[in-house]
C-alpha atoms as a PDB file:
ATOM      1  CA  LYS A   1      82.424  71.436 122.851  1.00  0.00           C
ATOM      2  CA  PRO A   2      82.204  75.276 122.756  1.00  0.00           C
ATOM      3  CA  PHE A   3      84.598  76.983 120.364  1.00  0.00           C
ATOM      4  CA  PHE A   4      85.514  80.425 119.067  1.00  0.00           C
ATOM      5  CA  VAL A   5      87.137  80.916 115.653  1.00  0.00           C
ATOM      6  CA  ASN A   6      88.296  84.238 114.216  1.00  0.00           C
ATOM      7  CA  VAL A   7      89.178  84.299 110.512  1.00  0.00           C
ATOM      8  CA  ALA A   8      90.768  87.412 108.994  1.00  0.00           C
ATOM      9  CA  PHE A   9      91.658  87.863 105.315  1.00  0.00           C
ATOM     10  CA  PHE A  10      94.227  90.155 103.703  1.00  0.00           C
ATOM     11  CA  ALA A  11      91.836  90.537 100.766  1.00  0.00           C
ATOM     12  CA  THR A  12      90.377  92.893  99.713  1.00  0.00           C
ATOM     13  CA  HIS A  13      93.253  95.040 100.902  1.00  0.00           C
ATOM     14  CA  ALA A  14      95.613  96.622  98.405  1.00  0.00           C
ATOM     15  CA  LYS A  15      99.325  95.913  98.535  1.00  0.00           C
ATOM     16  CA  ASP A  16     100.574  99.455  98.969  1.00  0.00           C
ATOM     17  CA  SER A  17     104.136  98.775  97.814  1.00  0.00           C
ATOM     18  CA  ASP A  18     103.033  97.165  94.532  1.00  0.00           C
ATOM     19  CA  LYS A  19     101.844  99.280  91.605  1.00  0.00           C
ATOM     20  CA  ARG A  20      99.308  96.576  90.788  1.00  0.00           C
ATOM     21  CA  GLN A  21      97.597  97.378  94.121  1.00  0.00           C
ATOM     22  CA  TYR A  22      94.857  94.716  94.053  1.00  0.00           C
ATOM     23  CA  ILE A  23      96.348  91.297  93.353  1.00  0.00           C
ATOM     24  CA  PRO A  24      93.857  88.436  93.009  1.00  0.00           C
ATOM     25  CA  GLN A  25      94.801  84.801  92.577  1.00  0.00           C
ATOM     26  CA  ASN A  26      95.560  83.699  89.024  1.00  0.00           C
ATOM     27  CA  LYS A  27      92.545  81.391  88.985  1.00  0.00           C
ATOM     28  CA  SER A  28      90.262  84.405  89.528  1.00  0.00           C
ATOM     29  CA  LEU A  29      91.486  86.448  86.578  1.00  0.00           C
ATOM     30  CA  SER A  30      88.824  85.097  84.237  1.00  0.00           C
ATOM     31  CA  MET A  31      86.078  86.608  86.399  1.00  0.00           C
ATOM     32  CA  TYR A  32      84.330  89.860  85.403  1.00  0.00           C
ATOM     33  CA  VAL A  33      86.316  90.188  82.160  1.00  0.00           C
ATOM     34  CA  SER A  34      83.246  91.193  80.157  1.00  0.00           C
ATOM     35  CA  ASP A  35      81.656  93.312  82.896  1.00  0.00           C
ATOM     36  CA  THR A  36      81.749  97.089  83.138  1.00  0.00           C
ATOM     37  CA  ILE A  37      82.128  98.424  86.659  1.00  0.00           C
ATOM     38  CA  PRO A  38      80.091 101.627  87.216  1.00  0.00           C
ATOM     39  CA  ASN A  39      82.063 104.819  87.704  1.00  0.00           C
ATOM     40  CA  PRO A  40      80.975 106.684  90.863  1.00  0.00           C
ATOM     41  CA  VAL A  41      78.951 109.825  90.226  1.00  0.00           C
ATOM     42  CA  THR A  42      81.294 111.851  92.430  1.00  0.00           C
ATOM     43  CA  ASN A  43      84.487 110.711  90.699  1.00  0.00           C
ATOM     44  CA  THR A  44      84.977 114.148  89.184  1.00  0.00           C
ATOM     45  CA  ASP A  45      87.388 117.039  89.549  1.00  0.00           C
ATOM     46  CA  GLU A  46      84.416 119.167  90.620  1.00  0.00           C
ATOM     47  CA  SER A  47      83.587 116.866  93.547  1.00  0.00           C
ATOM     48  CA  PHE A  48      87.220 116.783  94.654  1.00  0.00           C
ATOM     49  CA  ALA A  49      87.306 120.591  94.506  1.00  0.00           C
ATOM     50  CA  ARG A  50      84.283 120.728  96.829  1.00  0.00           C
ATOM     51  CA  LEU A  51      86.257 119.013  99.606  1.00  0.00           C
ATOM     52  CA  PRO A  52      87.713 121.343 102.286  1.00  0.00           C
ATOM     53  CA  HIS A  53      90.588 123.549 101.169  1.00  0.00           C
ATOM     54  CA  PHE A  54      93.262 121.421 102.855  1.00  0.00           C
ATOM     55  CA  PHE A  55      92.574 118.454 100.539  1.00  0.00           C
ATOM     56  CA  SER A  56      95.456 119.053  98.160  1.00  0.00           C
ATOM     57  CA  GLU A  57      96.953 116.801  95.516  1.00  0.00           C
ATOM     58  CA  ARG A  58      99.396 115.661  98.238  1.00  0.00           C
ATOM     59  CA  ASN A  59      96.638 114.227 100.409  1.00  0.00           C
ATOM     60  CA  GLU A  60      97.198 110.453 100.622  1.00  0.00           C
ATOM     61  CA  GLY A  61      93.635 109.733  99.564  1.00  0.00           C
ATOM     62  CA  ARG A  62      94.225 111.736  96.389  1.00  0.00           C
ATOM     63  CA  THR A  63      97.622 110.130  95.801  1.00  0.00           C
ATOM     64  CA  ARG A  64      96.073 106.657  95.919  1.00  0.00           C
ATOM     65  CA  TRP A  65      93.266 107.824  93.644  1.00  0.00           C
ATOM     66  CA  ARG A  66      95.945 108.574  91.045  1.00  0.00           C
ATOM     67  CA  TRP A  67      97.436 105.120  91.562  1.00  0.00           C
ATOM     68  CA  ARG A  68      94.100 103.385  91.041  1.00  0.00           C
ATOM     69  CA  TYR A  69      91.405 105.479  89.379  1.00  0.00           C
ATOM     70  CA  GLU A  70      92.909 108.425  87.516  1.00  0.00           C
ATOM     71  CA  THR A  71      91.786 107.095  84.126  1.00  0.00           C
ATOM     72  CA  PRO A  72      88.732 105.042  83.115  1.00  0.00           C
ATOM     73  CA  GLU A  73      91.057 102.198  82.124  1.00  0.00           C
ATOM     74  CA  LYS A  74      92.735 102.179  85.540  1.00  0.00           C
ATOM     75  CA  GLN A  75      89.374 102.304  87.285  1.00  0.00           C
ATOM     76  CA  GLN A  76      88.048  99.280  85.387  1.00  0.00           C
ATOM     77  CA  HIS A  77      91.226  97.268  85.885  1.00  0.00           C
ATOM     78  CA  MET A  78      91.499  97.999  89.616  1.00  0.00           C
ATOM     79  CA  MET A  79      87.836  97.447  90.417  1.00  0.00           C
ATOM     80  CA  LYS A  80      87.659  94.139  88.561  1.00  0.00           C
ATOM     81  CA  ASN A  81      90.643  92.892  90.538  1.00  0.00           C
ATOM     82  CA  TYR A  82      89.034  94.190  93.724  1.00  0.00           C
ATOM     83  CA  TYR A  83      85.836  92.258  93.026  1.00  0.00           C
ATOM     84  CA  ARG A  84      87.859  89.156  92.155  1.00  0.00           C
ATOM     85  CA  MET A  85      89.468  89.348  95.597  1.00  0.00           C
ATOM     86  CA  ALA A  86      86.065  89.853  97.217  1.00  0.00           C
ATOM     87  CA  THR A  87      84.798  86.757  95.450  1.00  0.00           C
ATOM     88  CA  GLU A  88      87.776  84.817  96.791  1.00  0.00           C
ATOM     89  CA  VAL A  89      86.813  85.841 100.324  1.00  0.00           C
ATOM     90  CA  ASP A  90      83.239  84.765  99.631  1.00  0.00           C
ATOM     91  CA  THR A  91      84.440  81.361  98.423  1.00  0.00           C
ATOM     92  CA  ALA A  92      86.574  80.866 101.541  1.00  0.00           C
ATOM     93  CA  CYS A  93      83.660  81.783 103.806  1.00  0.00           C
ATOM     94  CA  GLY A  94      81.511  79.304 101.918  1.00  0.00           C
ATOM     95  CA  ALA A  95      84.042  76.561 102.649  1.00  0.00           C
ATOM     96  CA  ILE A  96      83.909  77.393 106.372  1.00  0.00           C
ATOM     97  CA  LEU A  97      80.110  77.252 106.397  1.00  0.00           C
ATOM     98  CA  LYS A  98      80.162  73.925 104.561  1.00  0.00           C
ATOM     99  CA  GLU A  99      82.552  72.449 107.135  1.00  0.00           C
ATOM    100  CA  LEU A 100      80.313  73.644 109.987  1.00  0.00           C
ATOM    101  CA  GLU A 101      77.405  71.987 108.243  1.00  0.00           C
ATOM    102  CA  ARG A 102      79.380  68.751 107.809  1.00  0.00           C
ATOM    103  CA  GLN A 103      80.119  68.711 111.538  1.00  0.00           C
ATOM    104  CA  GLY A 104      76.460  69.388 112.386  1.00  0.00           C
ATOM    105  CA  GLU A 105      77.275  72.748 113.976  1.00  0.00           C
ATOM    106  CA  LEU A 106      76.016  75.231 111.382  1.00  0.00           C
ATOM    107  CA  ASN A 107      72.683  75.790 113.128  1.00  0.00           C
ATOM    108  CA  ASN A 108      74.319  75.910 116.545  1.00  0.00           C
ATOM    109  CA  THR A 109      76.883  78.618 115.775  1.00  0.00           C
ATOM    110  CA  LEU A 110      76.760  82.416 115.860  1.00  0.00           C
ATOM    111  CA  ILE A 111      78.404  83.679 112.651  1.00  0.00           C
ATOM    112  CA  ILE A 112      79.339  87.336 112.151  1.00  0.00           C
ATOM    113  CA  PHE A 113      80.778  88.607 108.864  1.00  0.00           C
ATOM    114  CA  THR A 114      82.088  92.168 108.827  1.00  0.00           C
ATOM    115  CA  THR A 115      85.132  94.315 107.982  1.00  0.00           C
ATOM    116  CA  ASP A 116      87.205  96.965 109.712  1.00  0.00           C
ATOM    117  CA  ASN A 117      86.551  99.875 107.354  1.00  0.00           C
ATOM    118  CA  GLY A 118      84.871 100.967 104.161  1.00  0.00           C
ATOM    119  CA  ASN A 119      86.659 102.265 101.082  1.00  0.00           C
ATOM    120  CA  PHE A 120      86.590 105.109  98.618  1.00  0.00           C
ATOM    121  CA  HIS A 121      86.562 103.633  95.130  1.00  0.00           C
ATOM    122  CA  ALA A 122      87.109 107.023  93.470  1.00  0.00           C
ATOM    123  CA  GLU A 123      84.151 108.763  95.163  1.00  0.00           C
ATOM    124  CA  HIS A 124      84.999 112.433  95.751  1.00  0.00           C
ATOM    125  CA  GLY A 125      88.189 111.861  93.776  1.00  0.00           C
ATOM    126  CA  LEU A 126      89.669 109.795  96.622  1.00  0.00           C
ATOM    127  CA  ALA A 127      90.860 106.267  97.344  1.00  0.00           C
ATOM    128  CA  ASP A 128      91.153 104.176 100.513  1.00  0.00           C
ATOM    129  CA  LYS A 129      89.507 105.293 103.807  1.00  0.00           C
ATOM    130  CA  TRP A 130      90.206 107.572 106.850  1.00  0.00           C
ATOM    131  CA  TYR A 131      87.400 110.147 106.437  1.00  0.00           C
ATOM    132  CA  PRO A 132      83.779 110.454 107.660  1.00  0.00           C
ATOM    133  CA  HIS A 133      82.028 110.011 104.309  1.00  0.00           C
ATOM    134  CA  GLN A 134      79.623 107.101 103.915  1.00  0.00           C
ATOM    135  CA  GLU A 135      81.903 105.176 101.561  1.00  0.00           C
ATOM    136  CA  SER A 136      84.634 105.176 104.200  1.00  0.00           C
ATOM    137  CA  ILE A 137      82.719 104.493 107.420  1.00  0.00           C
ATOM    138  CA  ARG A 138      80.031 102.034 106.305  1.00  0.00           C
ATOM    139  CA  VAL A 139      80.955  98.343 106.460  1.00  0.00           C
ATOM    140  CA  PRO A 140      79.122  95.110 105.662  1.00  0.00           C
ATOM    141  CA  LEU A 141      77.561  93.241 108.571  1.00  0.00           C
ATOM    142  CA  ILE A 142      75.921  89.836 108.125  1.00  0.00           C
ATOM    143  CA  ILE A 143      74.811  87.802 111.149  1.00  0.00           C
ATOM    144  CA  LYS A 144      73.575  84.209 111.314  1.00  0.00           C
ATOM    145  CA  ASP A 145      72.399  83.352 114.815  1.00  0.00           C
ATOM    146  CA  PRO A 146      70.445  80.260 115.940  1.00  0.00           C
ATOM    147  CA  ARG A 147      68.610  82.523 118.411  1.00  0.00           C
ATOM    148  CA  MET A 148      67.331  84.800 115.628  1.00  0.00           C
ATOM    149  CA  ALA A 149      63.564  85.314 115.502  1.00  0.00           C
ATOM    150  CA  HIS A 150      62.068  83.473 112.529  1.00  0.00           C
ATOM    151  CA  ASP A 151      60.583  86.645 110.997  1.00  0.00           C
ATOM    152  CA  LYS A 152      64.018  88.327 111.073  1.00  0.00           C
ATOM    153  CA  ILE A 153      65.866  85.634 109.113  1.00  0.00           C
ATOM    154  CA  GLY A 154      66.932  86.915 105.679  1.00  0.00           C
ATOM    155  CA  THR A 155      65.838  90.496 106.400  1.00  0.00           C
ATOM    156  CA  LEU A 156      67.693  93.819 106.329  1.00  0.00           C
ATOM    157  CA  ASN A 157      68.073  96.139 109.305  1.00  0.00           C
ATOM    158  CA  ASP A 158      69.140  99.769 108.929  1.00  0.00           C
ATOM    159  CA  GLU A 159      69.892 100.539 112.583  1.00  0.00           C
ATOM    160  CA  PHE A 160      73.293 102.031 113.448  1.00  0.00           C
ATOM    161  CA  THR A 161      75.637  99.237 114.527  1.00  0.00           C
ATOM    162  CA  LEU A 162      79.282  99.927 115.388  1.00  0.00           C
ATOM    163  CA  ASN A 163      82.532  97.997 115.706  1.00  0.00           C
ATOM    164  CA  ILE A 164      82.305  98.487 119.479  1.00  0.00           C
ATOM    165  CA  ASP A 165      79.171  96.279 119.430  1.00  0.00           C
ATOM    166  CA  LEU A 166      81.074  93.186 118.332  1.00  0.00           C
ATOM    167  CA  ALA A 167      82.598  92.293 121.702  1.00  0.00           C
ATOM    168  CA  PRO A 168      79.375  92.700 123.749  1.00  0.00           C
ATOM    169  CA  THR A 169      77.463  90.664 121.143  1.00  0.00           C
ATOM    170  CA  ILE A 170      79.953  87.788 121.224  1.00  0.00           C
ATOM    171  CA  LEU A 171      80.226  87.861 125.019  1.00  0.00           C
ATOM    172  CA  SER A 172      76.442  87.831 125.347  1.00  0.00           C
ATOM    173  CA  ALA A 173      76.187  84.769 123.110  1.00  0.00           C
ATOM    174  CA  ALA A 174      78.714  83.052 125.393  1.00  0.00           C
ATOM    175  CA  GLY A 175      76.708  83.961 128.488  1.00  0.00           C
ATOM    176  CA  ILE A 176      79.292  86.488 129.706  1.00  0.00           C
ATOM    177  CA  ALA A 177      78.461  90.025 130.830  1.00  0.00           C
ATOM    178  CA  PRO A 178      80.350  92.787 128.960  1.00  0.00           C
ATOM    179  CA  LEU A 179      83.039  94.621 130.890  1.00  0.00           C
ATOM    180  CA  GLU A 180      81.825  97.818 132.507  1.00  0.00           C
ATOM    181  CA  LYS A 181      84.092  99.988 130.344  1.00  0.00           C
ATOM    182  CA  MET A 182      82.819  98.522 127.060  1.00  0.00           C
ATOM    183  CA  MET A 183      80.858 101.185 125.192  1.00  0.00           C
ATOM    184  CA  GLY A 184      79.019  98.914 122.740  1.00  0.00           C
ATOM    185  CA  ARG A 185      75.778  96.951 122.882  1.00  0.00           C
ATOM    186  CA  ASP A 186      74.623  93.414 122.218  1.00  0.00           C
ATOM    187  CA  MET A 187      73.310  93.520 118.644  1.00  0.00           C
ATOM    188  CA  SER A 188      71.158  90.448 119.163  1.00  0.00           C
ATOM    189  CA  VAL A 189      68.487  92.675 120.731  1.00  0.00           C
ATOM    190  CA  LEU A 190      67.781  93.835 117.171  1.00  0.00           C
ATOM    191  CA  TYR A 191      66.791  90.391 115.932  1.00  0.00           C
ATOM    192  CA  ARG A 192      65.765  88.200 118.881  1.00  0.00           C
ATOM    193  CA  ASP A 193      62.258  87.761 120.297  1.00  0.00           C
ATOM    194  CA  MET A 194      61.603  89.749 123.475  1.00  0.00           C
ATOM    195  CA  VAL A 195      60.525  86.588 125.326  1.00  0.00           C
ATOM    196  CA  ASP A 196      63.820  84.894 124.468  1.00  0.00           C
ATOM    197  CA  ARG A 197      65.809  87.947 125.570  1.00  0.00           C
ATOM    198  CA  ASN A 198      63.894  88.310 128.843  1.00  0.00           C
ATOM    199  CA  LYS A 199      64.529  84.662 129.728  1.00  0.00           C
ATOM    200  CA  GLU A 200      68.254  85.101 129.176  1.00  0.00           C
ATOM    201  CA  THR A 201      68.412  88.395 131.090  1.00  0.00           C
ATOM    202  CA  THR A 202      66.593  86.875 134.070  1.00  0.00           C
ATOM    203  CA  LEU A 203      68.990  83.935 134.073  1.00  0.00           C
ATOM    204  CA  ARG A 204      72.075  86.154 133.956  1.00  0.00           C
ATOM    205  CA  MET A 205      70.815  88.532 136.642  1.00  0.00           C
ATOM    206  CA  GLY A 206      70.443  85.516 138.897  1.00  0.00           C
ATOM    207  CA  GLN A 207      73.997  84.474 138.095  1.00  0.00           C
ATOM    208  CA  VAL A 208      75.739  87.834 138.569  1.00  0.00           C
ATOM    209  CA  GLY A 209      73.525  89.510 141.138  1.00  0.00           C
ATOM    210  CA  GLY A 210      71.335  91.911 139.203  1.00  0.00           C
ATOM    211  CA  THR A 211      72.681  95.022 137.551  1.00  0.00           C
ATOM    212  CA  GLU A 212      75.910  96.735 136.713  1.00  0.00           C
ATOM    213  CA  GLY A 213      76.966  99.977 138.318  1.00  0.00           C
ATOM    214  CA  PRO A 214      75.868 103.391 137.086  1.00  0.00           C
ATOM    215  CA  VAL A 215      76.090 103.770 133.336  1.00  0.00           C
ATOM    216  CA  ARG A 216      75.686 107.026 131.471  1.00  0.00           C
ATOM    217  CA  GLU A 217      74.005 107.154 128.084  1.00  0.00           C
ATOM    218  CA  GLY A 218      73.887 110.562 126.433  1.00  0.00           C
ATOM    219  CA  ARG A 219      72.465 112.928 129.035  1.00  0.00           C
ATOM    220  CA  LYS A 220      70.924 110.406 131.429  1.00  0.00           C
ATOM    221  CA  MET A 221      72.214 108.194 134.240  1.00  0.00           C
ATOM    222  CA  SER A 222      70.667 104.763 134.727  1.00  0.00           C
ATOM    223  CA  SER A 223      71.379 101.290 136.041  1.00  0.00           C
ATOM    224  CA  LEU A 224      71.171  98.863 133.133  1.00  0.00           C
ATOM    225  CA  PRO A 225      70.703  95.088 133.293  1.00  0.00           C
ATOM    226  CA  VAL A 226      73.611  92.994 132.101  1.00  0.00           C
ATOM    227  CA  GLU A 227      72.165  92.697 128.609  1.00  0.00           C
ATOM    228  CA  ARG A 228      72.039  96.522 128.252  1.00  0.00           C
ATOM    229  CA  SER A 229      68.763  96.137 126.384  1.00  0.00           C
ATOM    230  CA  THR A 230      66.464  98.471 128.294  1.00  0.00           C
ATOM    231  CA  GLN A 231      67.439 101.596 126.383  1.00  0.00           C
ATOM    232  CA  PRO A 232      66.230 102.404 122.839  1.00  0.00           C
ATOM    233  CA  TRP A 233      68.760 101.598 120.136  1.00  0.00           C
ATOM    234  CA  ARG A 234      71.082 104.466 119.176  1.00  0.00           C
ATOM    235  CA  SER A 235      69.904 107.058 116.650  1.00  0.00           C
ATOM    236  CA  GLU A 236      73.311 108.733 116.282  1.00  0.00           C
ATOM    237  CA  PHE A 237      76.979 108.088 116.921  1.00  0.00           C
ATOM    238  CA  PHE A 238      80.267 109.907 117.378  1.00  0.00           C
ATOM    239  CA  TYR A 239      82.986 109.088 114.836  1.00  0.00           C
ATOM    240  CA  GLU A 240      86.698 109.874 115.091  1.00  0.00           C
ATOM    241  CA  HIS A 241      89.901 109.065 113.215  1.00  0.00           C
ATOM    242  CA  PRO A 242      93.346 110.368 114.234  1.00  0.00           C
ATOM    243  CA  VAL A 243      95.842 112.238 112.112  1.00  0.00           C
ATOM    244  CA  ILE A 244      98.362 109.971 110.361  1.00  0.00           C
ATOM    245  CA  SER A 245     101.895 111.286 109.831  1.00  0.00           C
ATOM    246  CA  HIS A 246     100.869 114.946 109.449  1.00  0.00           C
ATOM    247  CA  LYS A 247      97.736 116.929 108.644  1.00  0.00           C
ATOM    248  CA  GLY A 248      98.674 117.441 104.998  1.00  0.00           C
ATOM    249  CA  TYR A 249      98.970 113.675 104.518  1.00  0.00           C
ATOM    250  CA  ILE A 250      95.922 112.297 106.373  1.00  0.00           C
ATOM    251  CA  PRO A 251      94.226 114.893 108.598  1.00  0.00           C
ATOM    252  CA  ALA A 252      92.272 113.938 111.700  1.00  0.00           C
ATOM    253  CA  SER A 253      88.515 113.829 111.270  1.00  0.00           C
ATOM    254  CA  GLU A 254      85.509 113.624 113.582  1.00  0.00           C
ATOM    255  CA  ALA A 255      81.766 113.569 113.033  1.00  0.00           C
ATOM    256  CA  LEU A 256      78.312 113.286 114.529  1.00  0.00           C
ATOM    257  CA  VAL A 257      76.391 110.858 112.334  1.00  0.00           C
ATOM    258  CA  ARG A 258      72.620 110.639 112.028  1.00  0.00           C
ATOM    259  CA  LYS A 259      70.351 109.334 109.302  1.00  0.00           C
ATOM    260  CA  ASP A 260      69.073 112.761 108.302  1.00  0.00           C
ATOM    261  CA  TYR A 261      72.158 114.950 108.811  1.00  0.00           C
ATOM    262  CA  LYS A 262      75.880 114.503 109.311  1.00  0.00           C
ATOM    263  CA  TYR A 263      78.170 117.015 111.007  1.00  0.00           C
ATOM    264  CA  PHE A 264      81.904 116.876 110.162  1.00  0.00           C
ATOM    265  CA  TYR A 265      84.661 118.471 112.226  1.00  0.00           C
ATOM    266  CA  TRP A 266      88.275 118.610 111.061  1.00  0.00           C
ATOM    267  CA  PRO A 267      90.182 119.331 114.313  1.00  0.00           C
ATOM    268  CA  ASP A 268      93.549 120.071 112.705  1.00  0.00           C
ATOM    269  CA  PHE A 269      91.980 123.025 110.890  1.00  0.00           C
ATOM    270  CA  GLY A 270      88.908 123.899 112.988  1.00  0.00           C
ATOM    271  CA  VAL A 271      86.713 123.374 109.896  1.00  0.00           C
ATOM    272  CA  GLU A 272      83.054 122.330 110.097  1.00  0.00           C
ATOM    273  CA  GLN A 273      80.821 120.766 107.446  1.00  0.00           C
ATOM    274  CA  LEU A 274      77.132 119.874 107.467  1.00  0.00           C
ATOM    275  CA  PHE A 275      75.383 117.511 105.067  1.00  0.00           C
ATOM    276  CA  ASP A 276      71.685 116.887 104.515  1.00  0.00           C
ATOM    277  CA  MET A 277      71.699 113.101 104.090  1.00  0.00           C
ATOM    278  CA  LYS A 278      68.168 112.980 102.706  1.00  0.00           C
ATOM    279  CA  ALA A 279      68.634 115.652 100.028  1.00  0.00           C
ATOM    280  CA  ASP A 280      72.332 114.943  99.417  1.00  0.00           C
ATOM    281  CA  PRO A 281      73.077 111.261 100.205  1.00  0.00           C
ATOM    282  CA  LEU A 282      76.358 111.453  98.252  1.00  0.00           C
ATOM    283  CA  GLU A 283      77.642 114.167 100.624  1.00  0.00           C
ATOM    284  CA  ASP A 284      78.717 116.278  97.701  1.00  0.00           C
ATOM    285  CA  TYR A 285      77.345 119.664  98.773  1.00  0.00           C
ATOM    286  CA  ASP A 286      78.348 121.065 102.136  1.00  0.00           C
ATOM    287  CA  ILE A 287      75.442 123.152 103.469  1.00  0.00           C
ATOM    288  CA  LEU A 288      77.906 125.566 105.060  1.00  0.00           C
ATOM    289  CA  LYS A 289      79.363 126.420 101.638  1.00  0.00           C
ATOM    290  CA  ARG A 290      76.152 126.850  99.658  1.00  0.00           C
ATOM    291  CA  LYS A 291      75.865 130.194  97.938  1.00  0.00           C
ATOM    292  CA  THR A 292      73.004 132.344  96.754  1.00  0.00           C
ATOM    293  CA  PRO A 293      72.775 133.253  93.044  1.00  0.00           C
ATOM    294  CA  GLY A 294      74.583 136.466  93.996  1.00  0.00           C
ATOM    295  CA  GLY A 295      77.571 134.524  95.299  1.00  0.00           C
ATOM    296  CA  ASN A 296      76.985 135.048  99.031  1.00  0.00           C
ATOM    297  CA  PHE A 297      77.009 132.264 101.573  1.00  0.00           C
ATOM    298  CA  ASN A 298      73.524 131.700 102.899  1.00  0.00           C
ATOM    299  CA  MET A 299      71.835 129.141 105.161  1.00  0.00           C
ATOM    300  CA  SER A 300      68.176 128.721 105.905  1.00  0.00           C
ATOM    301  CA  ALA A 301      66.924 129.190 109.449  1.00  0.00           C
ATOM    302  CA  VAL A 302      66.301 125.431 109.587  1.00  0.00           C
ATOM    303  CA  HIS A 303      69.899 124.659 108.717  1.00  0.00           C
ATOM    304  CA  GLU A 304      71.231 127.285 111.125  1.00  0.00           C
ATOM    305  CA  ALA A 305      69.253 125.676 113.935  1.00  0.00           C
ATOM    306  CA  LYS A 306      70.403 122.203 112.876  1.00  0.00           C
ATOM    307  CA  LEU A 307      74.060 123.296 112.817  1.00  0.00           C
ATOM    308  CA  LYS A 308      73.797 124.809 116.303  1.00  0.00           C
ATOM    309  CA  GLU A 309      72.079 121.746 117.767  1.00  0.00           C
ATOM    310  CA  MET A 310      74.442 119.225 116.160  1.00  0.00           C
ATOM    311  CA  ARG A 311      77.547 121.209 117.044  1.00  0.00           C
ATOM    312  CA  GLU A 312      76.494 121.271 120.696  1.00  0.00           C
ATOM    313  CA  ARG A 313      75.637 117.562 120.696  1.00  0.00           C
ATOM    314  CA  PHE A 314      78.943 116.733 118.983  1.00  0.00           C
ATOM    315  CA  TRP A 315      80.981 118.422 121.696  1.00  0.00           C
ATOM    316  CA  GLU A 316      78.806 116.884 124.408  1.00  0.00           C
ATOM    317  CA  LEU A 317      79.449 113.388 123.095  1.00  0.00           C
ATOM    318  CA  LYS A 318      83.138 114.046 122.540  1.00  0.00           C
ATOM    319  CA  ARG A 319      83.609 115.195 126.138  1.00  0.00           C
ATOM    320  CA  LEU A 320      81.523 112.287 127.425  1.00  0.00           C
ATOM    321  CA  ILE A 321      83.545 109.678 125.561  1.00  0.00           C
ATOM    322  CA  GLN A 322      86.851 111.173 126.676  1.00  0.00           C
ATOM    323  CA  ASP A 323      85.836 111.171 130.368  1.00  0.00           C
ATOM    324  CA  THR A 324      87.578 108.094 131.786  1.00  0.00           C
ATOM    325  CA  ASN A 325      85.790 108.414 135.156  1.00  0.00           C
ATOM    326  CA  ILE A 326      82.450 107.169 133.851  1.00  0.00           C
ATOM    327  CA  SER A 327      81.153 104.190 131.898  1.00  0.00           C
ATOM    328  CA  VAL A 328      79.458 105.136 128.641  1.00  0.00           C
ATOM    329  CA  ILE A 329      76.981 103.092 126.652  1.00  0.00           C
ATOM    330  CA  LEU A 330      76.698 104.430 123.100  1.00  0.00           C
END
């Protein structure tokens, strides 16, 4: 009998109202006692000072950094409890997999493990999430799928996948076409054989009558088959997070994310940032604030061109996503 199960854990979330923050089960407290958790390279006052000017000591990310990571002792204590909670989640997931195996359904079930956000663990002198840095926006994603091509099992894939891909992926596995307004894609195209995918697409087109209506992707209009697999996988994405409470507490942030560069925009302040992700993967040195030995701001012609191109593409994507009259595939 077909089934769908969604399991969500409170761990590894902190309990904001409790000064202990991360509270593992008592039986987990013996874990990691003798381990030393690495301190992030950017957990320095200098890195915090390199954030935009509106990141004050009253910023909520900084406040929570003081709660959790202000001293080496705090950092070790908090991170060990965090990893204890993560291990508890791992144990619970293991129990679910074992029960699926007992029922003979393990190899007949699509399993997706992911989370809703990343976390600063003292990087940039911050804690928690909310901002466009890698620590905040990257999340784990593990997929076990009986349709997976044999040569893809146990491998890593570094393509950009987004939370908006979850619904189309699950619907596709159930043989249901995504709703027209869904912006995401079926992630199984990244790990299934083309022959297998073509068989399924042909079957579905026969069931639903061919293609969806017009769908816009970036600058081009096209009619996509139900599986939305005819277009190359995304090489960039638009990120956004709203202001919470007020801009001094948690300011709104937006970004255009690519593998080589990342463009930040802070709409409450009209501030831009640009990071070279190859040369500066820790996002510690904003290209727009680099100075010459004489103290003047200076950008190379390459970076000036990159800023102009990414700024234009950022606003193009932002307008496209906010246009409710069209369907957008990202």
